[in-house]
Every structure is written in C-alpha cells, then in structure tokens.
C-alpha cells in the first residue's frame, strides 16, 4: 500500500493527511472529518510509510503488512480492533505468520487493524503494484507524446535563417576619448 503523506499522531484515534510544514508545527487534515489542525513540536507525529512491523527475519514495512491483510480479506474490511487480544493475535498470525510474537504487542496489532479499516473506509488503500502499473502507463503516454512532438518538428518545413550580423565591440582607446573631449571644448 502507498502510505505517502498519511500520518498518525499519538493520543489521537484517527489518521491525518500532511498538508504543510509551519514554523513550529505541522498542518494536518483529519482524514475522517476533513478538519485541519496544527500538530505542535511536542506532538509525536509518525508517518505511516516509515513504520515497520517486527518479523522473525527483516522488519516489514507497514505498507506490505497492509498488502497482506488486503490479500487475506480479498480487498474487504478486516476485523474490528476492539476484539479480545487472543482473537487479534490469531488473526494477525494468519495474515502475517512471520511476525515476531515477542516484540509485536497487541496494542500494535490494534493500531494496524484500526488504521487499515480507516483507510479502507475512505478508499485510500491502493496496492503498490496497481499504482506502479498506472505510473508506467502514464510514462508510456508521455513517451508517445514526446515522439509525436519530435516527429512534427522534423516534418515541419525549416525556415532559412539569415545569419545575424555581429557588430564588433571595440573599446575606445584613450586617444579617442581625449580627441572627443577636446572637440567638445
């Protein structure tokens, strides 16, 4: 999943979209209500694209974890984050079997499932492969347009340009300046 510009602020139960960087704060927009607020320097703001989940191997970025949940749910909504701890751990183990059970707490699982459901409800879950295909398609269209533009330039009759006549810039020597000064007197 592409989680660019989506933020979580500690103490807030929802997600935010980055709007702008202020002098001493970050301006964000609540994804659910659309209300804009400023998160001051003391607020702990985390970008979702920088969060990863501990696994038995290398840490897995949150976007890939959400991809796995997406695949498990066939693009649908997931379990409620309010279920009992054992149910959440069992579900998360099915979606991501390699997660580190000692270092990933139930509160982390709750956050991931809650964030997934918020993004799903707002239709902001876009798989990275689909996004790359869209980008590749637009790049191909741009390349075709560039080739067509170059072909038009080549096909257009060329106008003959007359060479520009350059005037030689000669710095006046001291004798010339003195002569001009003496003539004016």
C-alpha atoms as a PDB file:
ATOM      1  CA  UNK A   1       0.000   0.000   0.000  1.00  0.00           C
ATOM      2  CA  UNK A   2       1.110   3.523  -0.653  1.00  0.00           C
ATOM      3  CA  UNK A   3       1.012   5.370   2.656  1.00  0.00           C
ATOM      4  CA  UNK A   4       2.687   8.567   1.485  1.00  0.00           C
ATOM      5  CA  UNK A   5       1.646  11.729   3.380  1.00  0.00           C
ATOM      6  CA  UNK A   6      -0.519   9.793   5.852  1.00  0.00           C
ATOM      7  CA  UNK A   7       0.340  10.494   9.480  1.00  0.00           C
ATOM      8  CA  UNK A   8      -0.535   9.183  12.911  1.00  0.00           C
ATOM      9  CA  UNK A   9      -0.392  11.475  15.938  1.00  0.00           C
ATOM     10  CA  UNK A  10      -0.015   9.939  19.373  1.00  0.00           C
ATOM     11  CA  UNK A  11      -3.071  10.454  21.530  1.00  0.00           C
ATOM     12  CA  UNK A  12      -5.362  10.777  18.511  1.00  0.00           C
ATOM     13  CA  UNK A  13      -7.564   7.885  17.454  1.00  0.00           C
ATOM     14  CA  UNK A  14      -7.507   8.574  13.744  1.00  0.00           C
ATOM     15  CA  UNK A  15      -5.199   9.256  10.817  1.00  0.00           C
ATOM     16  CA  UNK A  16      -4.195  12.539   9.250  1.00  0.00           C
ATOM     17  CA  UNK A  17      -3.027  13.781   5.877  1.00  0.00           C
ATOM     18  CA  UNK A  18       0.032  16.044   5.717  1.00  0.00           C
ATOM     19  CA  UNK A  19      -0.874  19.487   4.375  1.00  0.00           C
ATOM     20  CA  UNK A  20       2.041  21.824   5.110  1.00  0.00           C
ATOM     21  CA  UNK A  21       5.014  22.483   7.331  1.00  0.00           C
ATOM     22  CA  UNK A  22       4.617  25.536   9.538  1.00  0.00           C
ATOM     23  CA  UNK A  23       7.294  27.361  11.504  1.00  0.00           C
ATOM     24  CA  UNK A  24       6.816  25.399  14.736  1.00  0.00           C
ATOM     25  CA  UNK A  25       4.104  22.936  13.749  1.00  0.00           C
ATOM     26  CA  UNK A  26       2.830  20.604  11.069  1.00  0.00           C
ATOM     27  CA  UNK A  27      -0.529  21.392   9.475  1.00  0.00           C
ATOM     28  CA  UNK A  28      -2.566  18.200   9.067  1.00  0.00           C
ATOM     29  CA  UNK A  29      -6.077  17.285   7.967  1.00  0.00           C
ATOM     30  CA  UNK A  30      -8.169  14.681   9.748  1.00  0.00           C
ATOM     31  CA  UNK A  31      -8.965  12.005   7.136  1.00  0.00           C
ATOM     32  CA  UNK A  32     -12.382  11.224   8.593  1.00  0.00           C
ATOM     33  CA  UNK A  33     -13.725  14.704   9.360  1.00  0.00           C
ATOM     34  CA  UNK A  34     -11.659  16.864   6.977  1.00  0.00           C
ATOM     35  CA  UNK A  35     -10.894  19.268   9.820  1.00  0.00           C
ATOM     36  CA  UNK A  36      -7.446  20.878   9.747  1.00  0.00           C
ATOM     37  CA  UNK A  37      -5.333  21.239  12.851  1.00  0.00           C
ATOM     38  CA  UNK A  38      -1.751  22.004  13.676  1.00  0.00           C
ATOM     39  CA  UNK A  39       0.384  19.443  15.452  1.00  0.00           C
ATOM     40  CA  UNK A  40       2.876  21.307  17.607  1.00  0.00           C
ATOM     41  CA  UNK A  41       6.500  20.491  18.236  1.00  0.00           C
ATOM     42  CA  UNK A  42       5.624  18.465  21.340  1.00  0.00           C
ATOM     43  CA  UNK A  43       3.210  16.136  19.486  1.00  0.00           C
ATOM     44  CA  UNK A  44       4.618  12.803  18.398  1.00  0.00           C
ATOM     45  CA  UNK A  45       3.852  12.594  14.690  1.00  0.00           C
ATOM     46  CA  UNK A  46       4.677   9.413  12.763  1.00  0.00           C
ATOM     47  CA  UNK A  47       4.489   8.900   9.013  1.00  0.00           C
ATOM     48  CA  UNK A  48       2.870   5.540   8.234  1.00  0.00           C
ATOM     49  CA  UNK A  49       5.320   4.876   5.407  1.00  0.00           C
ATOM     50  CA  UNK A  50       8.181   4.909   7.945  1.00  0.00           C
ATOM     51  CA  UNK A  51       6.565   2.411  10.344  1.00  0.00           C
ATOM     52  CA  UNK A  52       7.516  -1.250  10.148  1.00  0.00           C
ATOM     53  CA  UNK A  53       6.493  -4.417  11.957  1.00  0.00           C
ATOM     54  CA  UNK A  54       8.978  -6.749  13.626  1.00  0.00           C
ATOM     55  CA  UNK A  55       9.212 -10.158  11.960  1.00  0.00           C
ATOM     56  CA  UNK A  56      11.419 -13.176  12.534  1.00  0.00           C
ATOM     57  CA  UNK A  57      13.535 -12.007   9.572  1.00  0.00           C
ATOM     58  CA  UNK A  58      13.862  -8.399   8.496  1.00  0.00           C
ATOM     59  CA  UNK A  59      11.342  -5.782   9.612  1.00  0.00           C
ATOM     60  CA  UNK A  60       8.390  -5.467   7.225  1.00  0.00           C
ATOM     61  CA  UNK A  61       7.133  -2.015   6.180  1.00  0.00           C
ATOM     62  CA  UNK A  62       3.568  -1.228   7.205  1.00  0.00           C
ATOM     63  CA  UNK A  63       2.545  -0.905   3.555  1.00  0.00           C
ATOM     64  CA  UNK A  64       3.475  -4.537   2.888  1.00  0.00           C
ATOM     65  CA  UNK A  65       1.688  -5.659   6.057  1.00  0.00           C
ATOM     66  CA  UNK A  66      -1.445  -3.908   4.821  1.00  0.00           C
ATOM     67  CA  UNK A  67      -0.970  -5.595   1.431  1.00  0.00           C
ATOM     68  CA  UNK A  68      -1.035  -8.974   3.202  1.00  0.00           C
ATOM     69  CA  UNK A  69      -4.195  -8.034   5.125  1.00  0.00           C
ATOM     70  CA  UNK A  70      -5.732  -6.831   1.818  1.00  0.00           C
ATOM     71  CA  UNK A  71      -4.965 -10.202   0.224  1.00  0.00           C
ATOM     72  CA  UNK A  72      -6.344 -12.113   3.208  1.00  0.00           C
ATOM     73  CA  UNK A  73      -9.587 -10.104   3.128  1.00  0.00           C
ATOM     74  CA  UNK A  74      -9.824 -10.039  -0.717  1.00  0.00           C
ATOM     75  CA  UNK A  75      -9.885  -6.257  -0.613  1.00  0.00           C
ATOM     76  CA  UNK A  76     -12.514  -6.070   2.103  1.00  0.00           C
ATOM     77  CA  UNK A  77     -12.631  -4.680   5.606  1.00  0.00           C
ATOM     78  CA  UNK A  78     -10.847  -6.536   8.385  1.00  0.00           C
ATOM     79  CA  UNK A  79     -11.793  -7.448  11.956  1.00  0.00           C
ATOM     80  CA  UNK A  80     -12.679  -4.781  14.474  1.00  0.00           C
ATOM     81  CA  UNK A  81      -9.717  -3.646  16.540  1.00  0.00           C
ATOM     82  CA  UNK A  82     -11.928  -3.901  19.648  1.00  0.00           C
ATOM     83  CA  UNK A  83     -11.963  -7.727  19.734  1.00  0.00           C
ATOM     84  CA  UNK A  84     -10.232  -9.638  22.569  1.00  0.00           C
ATOM     85  CA  UNK A  85      -6.440  -9.931  22.490  1.00  0.00           C
ATOM     86  CA  UNK A  86      -6.343 -13.638  21.621  1.00  0.00           C
ATOM     87  CA  UNK A  87      -8.618 -13.162  18.583  1.00  0.00           C
ATOM     88  CA  UNK A  88      -6.470 -10.294  17.311  1.00  0.00           C
ATOM     89  CA  UNK A  89      -3.216 -12.241  17.727  1.00  0.00           C
ATOM     90  CA  UNK A  90      -4.700 -15.274  15.961  1.00  0.00           C
ATOM     91  CA  UNK A  91      -5.957 -13.159  13.053  1.00  0.00           C
ATOM     92  CA  UNK A  92      -2.685 -11.243  12.719  1.00  0.00           C
ATOM     93  CA  UNK A  93      -0.782 -14.555  12.789  1.00  0.00           C
ATOM     94  CA  UNK A  94      -2.889 -15.781   9.872  1.00  0.00           C
ATOM     95  CA  UNK A  95      -2.331 -12.583   7.869  1.00  0.00           C
ATOM     96  CA  UNK A  96       1.361 -12.265   8.726  1.00  0.00           C
ATOM     97  CA  UNK A  97       2.669 -15.606  10.026  1.00  0.00           C
ATOM     98  CA  UNK A  98       6.278 -14.397  10.308  1.00  0.00           C
ATOM     99  CA  UNK A  99       5.554 -11.539  12.735  1.00  0.00           C
ATOM    100  CA  UNK A 100       7.646 -11.577  15.928  1.00  0.00           C
ATOM    101  CA  UNK A 101       5.212 -12.568  18.686  1.00  0.00           C
ATOM    102  CA  UNK A 102       7.578 -11.339  21.420  1.00  0.00           C
ATOM    103  CA  UNK A 103       8.161  -7.824  20.107  1.00  0.00           C
ATOM    104  CA  UNK A 104       4.796  -7.011  18.464  1.00  0.00           C
ATOM    105  CA  UNK A 105       2.304  -6.144  21.172  1.00  0.00           C
ATOM    106  CA  UNK A 106      -1.467  -6.424  20.992  1.00  0.00           C
ATOM    107  CA  UNK A 107      -1.681  -2.619  21.029  1.00  0.00           C
ATOM    108  CA  UNK A 108       0.406  -2.572  17.834  1.00  0.00           C
ATOM    109  CA  UNK A 109      -1.942  -5.081  16.194  1.00  0.00           C
ATOM    110  CA  UNK A 110      -4.941  -2.969  17.254  1.00  0.00           C
ATOM    111  CA  UNK A 111      -3.407   0.137  15.650  1.00  0.00           C
ATOM    112  CA  UNK A 112      -2.621  -1.650  12.379  1.00  0.00           C
ATOM    113  CA  UNK A 113      -6.126  -3.110  12.072  1.00  0.00           C
ATOM    114  CA  UNK A 114      -7.758   0.200  13.052  1.00  0.00           C
ATOM    115  CA  UNK A 115      -5.638   2.145  10.528  1.00  0.00           C
ATOM    116  CA  UNK A 116      -6.389  -0.449   7.837  1.00  0.00           C
ATOM    117  CA  UNK A 117     -10.146  -0.096   8.412  1.00  0.00           C
ATOM    118  CA  UNK A 118      -9.953   3.727   8.330  1.00  0.00           C
ATOM    119  CA  UNK A 119      -8.038   3.680   5.045  1.00  0.00           C
ATOM    120  CA  UNK A 120     -10.373   1.035   3.607  1.00  0.00           C
ATOM    121  CA  UNK A 121     -13.465   3.036   4.532  1.00  0.00           C
ATOM    122  CA  UNK A 122     -12.021   6.106   2.764  1.00  0.00           C
ATOM    123  CA  UNK A 123     -10.904   4.091  -0.313  1.00  0.00           C
ATOM    124  CA  UNK A 124      -7.274   5.066   0.244  1.00  0.00           C
ATOM    125  CA  UNK A 125      -5.925   1.521   0.076  1.00  0.00           C
ATOM    126  CA  UNK A 126      -4.195   1.207  -3.285  1.00  0.00           C
ATOM    127  CA  UNK A 127      -1.853  -1.694  -3.843  1.00  0.00           C
ATOM    128  CA  UNK A 128       1.670  -0.670  -4.862  1.00  0.00           C
ATOM    129  CA  UNK A 129       1.650  -2.948  -7.931  1.00  0.00           C
ATOM    130  CA  UNK A 130      -1.523  -1.296  -9.257  1.00  0.00           C
ATOM    131  CA  UNK A 131      -0.016   2.127  -8.647  1.00  0.00           C
ATOM    132  CA  UNK A 132       3.206   1.177 -10.463  1.00  0.00           C
ATOM    133  CA  UNK A 133       1.149  -0.066 -13.447  1.00  0.00           C
ATOM    134  CA  UNK A 134      -0.715   3.257 -13.543  1.00  0.00           C
ATOM    135  CA  UNK A 135       2.561   5.187 -13.377  1.00  0.00           C
ATOM    136  CA  UNK A 136       4.068   3.020 -16.119  1.00  0.00           C
ATOM    137  CA  UNK A 137       1.004   3.661 -18.265  1.00  0.00           C
ATOM    138  CA  UNK A 138       1.295   7.427 -17.854  1.00  0.00           C
ATOM    139  CA  UNK A 139       5.022   7.294 -18.599  1.00  0.00           C
ATOM    140  CA  UNK A 140       4.301   5.393 -21.840  1.00  0.00           C
ATOM    141  CA  UNK A 141       1.718   8.010 -22.834  1.00  0.00           C
ATOM    142  CA  UNK A 142       4.231  10.788 -22.128  1.00  0.00           C
ATOM    143  CA  UNK A 143       6.905   8.991 -24.182  1.00  0.00           C
ATOM    144  CA  UNK A 144       4.482   8.574 -27.114  1.00  0.00           C
ATOM    145  CA  UNK A 145       3.516  12.257 -26.932  1.00  0.00           C
ATOM    146  CA  UNK A 146       7.191  13.242 -26.950  1.00  0.00           C
ATOM    147  CA  UNK A 147       7.882  11.071 -30.020  1.00  0.00           C
ATOM    148  CA  UNK A 148       4.878  12.603 -31.832  1.00  0.00           C
ATOM    149  CA  UNK A 149       6.036  16.123 -30.966  1.00  0.00           C
ATOM    150  CA  UNK A 150       9.535  15.372 -32.256  1.00  0.00           C
ATOM    151  CA  UNK A 151       8.051  13.941 -35.475  1.00  0.00           C
ATOM    152  CA  UNK A 152       6.036  17.129 -36.021  1.00  0.00           C
ATOM    153  CA  UNK A 153       9.146  19.241 -35.579  1.00  0.00           C
ATOM    154  CA  UNK A 154      11.059  17.126 -38.096  1.00  0.00           C
ATOM    155  CA  UNK A 155       8.180  17.171 -40.598  1.00  0.00           C
ATOM    156  CA  UNK A 156       7.692  20.951 -40.458  1.00  0.00           C
ATOM    157  CA  UNK A 157       9.481  22.854 -43.251  1.00  0.00           C
ATOM    158  CA  UNK A 158      12.556  24.552 -41.986  1.00  0.00           C
ATOM    159  CA  UNK A 159      12.858  28.275 -42.458  1.00  0.00           C
ATOM    160  CA  UNK A 160      16.160  29.613 -43.621  1.00  0.00           C
ATOM    161  CA  UNK A 161      17.608  31.946 -41.125  1.00  0.00           C
ATOM    162  CA  UNK A 162      19.858  34.709 -42.230  1.00  0.00           C
ATOM    163  CA  UNK A 163      22.991  34.912 -40.201  1.00  0.00           C
ATOM    164  CA  UNK A 164      22.920  37.676 -37.676  1.00  0.00           C
ATOM    165  CA  UNK A 165      25.457  40.394 -38.241  1.00  0.00           C
ATOM    166  CA  UNK A 166      27.503  40.978 -35.180  1.00  0.00           C
ATOM    167  CA  UNK A 167      28.847  44.385 -34.522  1.00  0.00           C
ATOM    168  CA  UNK A 168      32.349  44.384 -33.307  1.00  0.00           C
ATOM    169  CA  UNK A 169      32.615  45.950 -29.951  1.00  0.00           C
ATOM    170  CA  UNK A 170      35.789  47.918 -29.809  1.00  0.00           C
ATOM    171  CA  UNK A 171      36.753  49.565 -26.622  1.00  0.00           C
ATOM    172  CA  UNK A 172      37.695  53.117 -27.233  1.00  0.00           C
ATOM    173  CA  UNK A 173      41.340  53.743 -26.617  1.00  0.00           C
ATOM    174  CA  UNK A 174      42.496  56.648 -24.569  1.00  0.00           C
ATOM    175  CA  UNK A 175      43.457  58.725 -27.566  1.00  0.00           C
ATOM    176  CA  UNK A 176      39.950  58.501 -28.993  1.00  0.00           C
ATOM    177  CA  UNK A 177      38.402  59.608 -25.764  1.00  0.00           C
ATOM    178  CA  UNK A 178      40.748  62.559 -25.492  1.00  0.00           C
ATOM    179  CA  UNK A 179      40.015  63.624 -29.012  1.00  0.00           C
ATOM    180  CA  UNK A 180      36.287  63.600 -28.393  1.00  0.00           C
ATOM    181  CA  UNK A 181      36.755  65.591 -25.244  1.00  0.00           C
ATOM    182  CA  UNK A 182      38.914  68.152 -26.989  1.00  0.00           C
ATOM    183  CA  UNK A 183      36.412  68.630 -29.847  1.00  0.00           C
ATOM    184  CA  UNK A 184      33.597  69.483 -27.480  1.00  0.00           C
ATOM    185  CA  UNK A 185      35.571  72.303 -25.871  1.00  0.00           C
END
